[in-house]
Amino acid sequence: MTQPNASPTLLPRIPWPPILLVSVIAGAIGLGEALPLSWPGVDDTPTRLVGSAFGLMGAALFVWSVWTLHRHETTVRPDRPARVLVTDGPFRFRRNPIYLAHLLILLGVAELTKNVWFAILVIPYAVLVTWLAIGPEERHLEDRFGDAYRDYKERTRRLL
């Protein structure tokens, strides 16, 4: 955990990640109704277990990530400046575990509902969250925490 420099970088005023996540969920449900695609995978118990595992791992990762941020008394909101640089918990392994959790949850829901649109829309979600949220967050963290963030960034993978 590292304390911030005095001058914070401006973050986007729009909290893109939850908006994108809700949009993907609504889009997958809507497209599943309007343009249903047949499920390309096998529908058997092992496959359902794998799909459930993805979803459960995503949910657990999300809870662990949020709990870690709260424990350090910094914000979970992507449109608010970080008070501290958190590098423990799930942030020890990935810089963006919450967005990784979103991807896993969407893939789990795709398997469980057999709605392939959830899996398809994971790709635009990942691209858009990287562009609209991760990029600005990284610039903010680098400006706010300087070398401590650059060192963390060098030794910790971003998303996958």
Protein backbone atom coordinates (compact mmCIF):
# COMPACT_ATOMS: atom_id res chain seq x y z
CA MET A 1 0.00 0.00 0.00
CA THR A 2 1.38 3.41 -1.03
CA GLN A 3 0.13 6.88 -0.13
CA PRO A 4 -0.70 9.32 -2.97
CA ASN A 5 1.07 12.36 -4.32
CA ALA A 6 -0.77 15.64 -3.80
CA SER A 7 -1.98 16.26 -7.38
CA PRO A 8 -4.62 13.79 -8.58
CA THR A 9 -5.27 13.22 -12.27
CA LEU A 10 -8.83 13.76 -13.39
CA LEU A 11 -10.78 10.58 -13.98
CA PRO A 12 -13.78 10.26 -16.29
CA ARG A 13 -16.95 11.54 -14.64
CA ILE A 14 -18.90 8.60 -16.03
CA PRO A 15 -18.51 5.28 -14.17
CA TRP A 16 -18.08 3.25 -17.36
CA PRO A 17 -17.56 -0.28 -15.99
CA PRO A 18 -20.98 -0.73 -14.35
CA ILE A 19 -22.66 0.95 -17.32
CA LEU A 20 -20.85 -1.37 -19.73
CA LEU A 21 -21.63 -4.43 -17.62
CA VAL A 22 -25.34 -3.64 -17.42
CA SER A 23 -25.35 -2.87 -21.17
CA VAL A 24 -23.76 -6.23 -21.98
CA ILE A 25 -26.26 -8.07 -19.79
CA ALA A 26 -29.21 -6.22 -21.32
CA GLY A 27 -27.76 -6.61 -24.80
CA ALA A 28 -27.19 -10.35 -24.39
CA ILE A 29 -30.71 -10.88 -23.09
CA GLY A 30 -32.21 -8.74 -25.86
CA LEU A 31 -30.13 -10.32 -28.61
CA GLY A 32 -30.89 -13.77 -27.21
CA GLU A 33 -34.59 -13.04 -27.69
CA ALA A 34 -34.36 -11.16 -31.00
CA LEU A 35 -31.56 -13.11 -32.70
CA PRO A 36 -31.15 -16.40 -30.85
CA LEU A 37 -28.04 -18.37 -31.76
CA SER A 38 -27.67 -22.05 -31.10
CA TRP A 39 -25.28 -22.93 -28.31
CA PRO A 40 -22.05 -24.20 -29.89
CA GLY A 41 -20.90 -26.14 -26.85
CA VAL A 42 -21.72 -29.47 -25.34
CA ASP A 43 -24.57 -29.54 -22.85
CA ASP A 44 -23.44 -32.08 -20.30
CA THR A 45 -22.68 -32.12 -16.59
CA PRO A 46 -18.91 -31.45 -16.85
CA THR A 47 -19.52 -28.46 -19.12
CA ARG A 48 -22.18 -27.06 -16.79
CA LEU A 49 -19.76 -27.50 -13.89
CA VAL A 50 -17.05 -25.59 -15.75
CA GLY A 51 -19.53 -22.81 -16.59
CA SER A 52 -20.66 -22.68 -12.98
CA ALA A 53 -17.03 -22.60 -11.83
CA PHE A 54 -16.30 -19.61 -14.08
CA GLY A 55 -19.28 -17.73 -12.68
CA LEU A 56 -18.50 -18.64 -9.07
CA MET A 57 -14.80 -17.78 -9.46
CA GLY A 58 -15.82 -14.44 -10.96
CA ALA A 59 -18.23 -13.72 -8.10
CA ALA A 60 -15.63 -14.71 -5.49
CA LEU A 61 -12.95 -12.60 -7.21
CA PHE A 62 -15.32 -9.64 -7.31
CA VAL A 63 -16.15 -9.90 -3.60
CA TRP A 64 -12.48 -10.39 -2.66
CA SER A 65 -11.46 -7.37 -4.76
CA VAL A 66 -14.13 -5.08 -3.32
CA TRP A 67 -13.37 -6.27 0.22
CA THR A 68 -9.66 -5.58 -0.31
CA LEU A 69 -10.33 -2.04 -1.53
CA HIS A 70 -12.68 -1.35 1.39
CA ARG A 71 -10.14 -2.76 3.85
CA HIS A 72 -7.65 -0.16 2.57
CA GLU A 73 -10.33 2.54 2.78
CA THR A 74 -10.09 3.45 -0.86
CA THR A 75 -12.85 3.71 -3.40
CA VAL A 76 -14.32 0.96 -5.51
CA ARG A 77 -15.83 3.54 -7.85
CA PRO A 78 -13.93 3.92 -11.13
CA ASP A 79 -14.86 7.61 -11.34
CA ARG A 80 -13.29 8.54 -7.98
CA PRO A 81 -9.57 9.02 -7.21
CA ALA A 82 -7.75 6.28 -5.35
CA ARG A 83 -6.62 7.17 -1.85
CA VAL A 84 -3.97 4.44 -1.72
CA LEU A 85 -2.28 2.09 -4.17
CA VAL A 86 -3.54 -1.37 -3.28
CA THR A 87 -1.16 -4.18 -4.28
CA ASP A 88 -2.27 -7.05 -2.04
CA GLY A 89 -5.19 -9.46 -2.12
CA PRO A 90 -6.25 -10.14 -5.71
CA PHE A 91 -4.36 -7.03 -6.81
CA ARG A 92 -1.18 -8.99 -6.12
CA PHE A 93 -1.94 -11.13 -9.20
CA ARG A 94 -3.79 -8.73 -11.54
CA ARG A 95 -4.07 -4.95 -11.69
CA ASN A 96 -7.76 -5.12 -12.66
CA PRO A 97 -9.30 -8.08 -10.84
CA ILE A 98 -12.79 -6.53 -10.75
CA TYR A 99 -12.95 -6.35 -14.55
CA LEU A 100 -11.55 -9.87 -14.80
CA ALA A 101 -14.33 -10.92 -12.41
CA HIS A 102 -16.88 -9.34 -14.74
CA LEU A 103 -15.51 -11.37 -17.67
CA LEU A 104 -15.64 -14.63 -15.71
CA ILE A 105 -19.18 -13.94 -14.52
CA LEU A 106 -20.35 -13.20 -18.06
CA LEU A 107 -18.77 -16.41 -19.35
CA GLY A 108 -20.37 -18.38 -16.53
CA VAL A 109 -23.77 -16.87 -17.28
CA ALA A 110 -23.30 -17.70 -20.97
CA GLU A 111 -22.78 -21.38 -20.17
CA LEU A 112 -25.54 -21.58 -17.60
CA THR A 113 -28.15 -19.84 -19.77
CA LYS A 114 -26.87 -21.25 -23.07
CA ASN A 115 -27.12 -17.69 -24.41
CA VAL A 116 -24.06 -17.37 -26.63
CA TRP A 117 -24.51 -13.59 -26.76
CA PHE A 118 -23.06 -13.33 -23.24
CA ALA A 119 -19.86 -14.96 -24.49
CA ILE A 120 -19.77 -12.90 -27.68
CA LEU A 121 -20.28 -9.63 -25.84
CA VAL A 122 -17.37 -10.39 -23.48
CA ILE A 123 -15.06 -9.23 -26.29
CA PRO A 124 -16.53 -5.72 -26.79
CA TYR A 125 -16.85 -5.39 -23.01
CA ALA A 126 -13.12 -6.14 -22.57
CA VAL A 127 -12.15 -3.71 -25.35
CA LEU A 128 -14.41 -0.92 -24.10
CA VAL A 129 -13.53 -1.30 -20.42
CA THR A 130 -9.84 -1.19 -21.37
CA TRP A 131 -10.32 1.96 -23.43
CA LEU A 132 -12.83 3.81 -21.23
CA ALA A 133 -11.77 2.72 -17.75
CA ILE A 134 -8.44 0.92 -17.48
CA GLY A 135 -6.48 3.43 -19.57
CA PRO A 136 -7.71 6.47 -17.62
CA GLU A 137 -7.31 4.62 -14.30
CA GLU A 138 -3.72 3.71 -15.15
CA ARG A 139 -2.89 7.30 -16.08
CA HIS A 140 -4.47 8.47 -12.81
CA LEU A 141 -2.57 5.91 -10.73
CA GLU A 142 0.75 6.66 -12.43
CA ASP A 143 0.31 10.38 -11.88
CA ARG A 144 -0.87 9.92 -8.31
CA PHE A 145 1.56 7.23 -7.14
CA GLY A 146 4.51 7.69 -9.53
CA ASP A 147 7.30 5.14 -9.32
CA ALA A 148 5.39 2.95 -6.88
CA TYR A 149 2.67 2.43 -9.52
CA ARG A 150 5.17 2.02 -12.35
CA ASP A 151 6.96 -0.71 -10.35
CA TYR A 152 3.64 -2.41 -9.57
CA LYS A 153 2.60 -2.14 -13.22
CA GLU A 154 5.84 -3.72 -14.36
CA ARG A 155 5.53 -6.77 -12.11
CA THR A 156 1.72 -7.31 -12.25
CA ARG A 157 -0.34 -8.26 -15.29
CA ARG A 158 -3.25 -6.03 -16.27
CA LEU A 159 -6.26 -8.24 -16.88
CA LEU A 160 -5.47 -11.65 -18.31
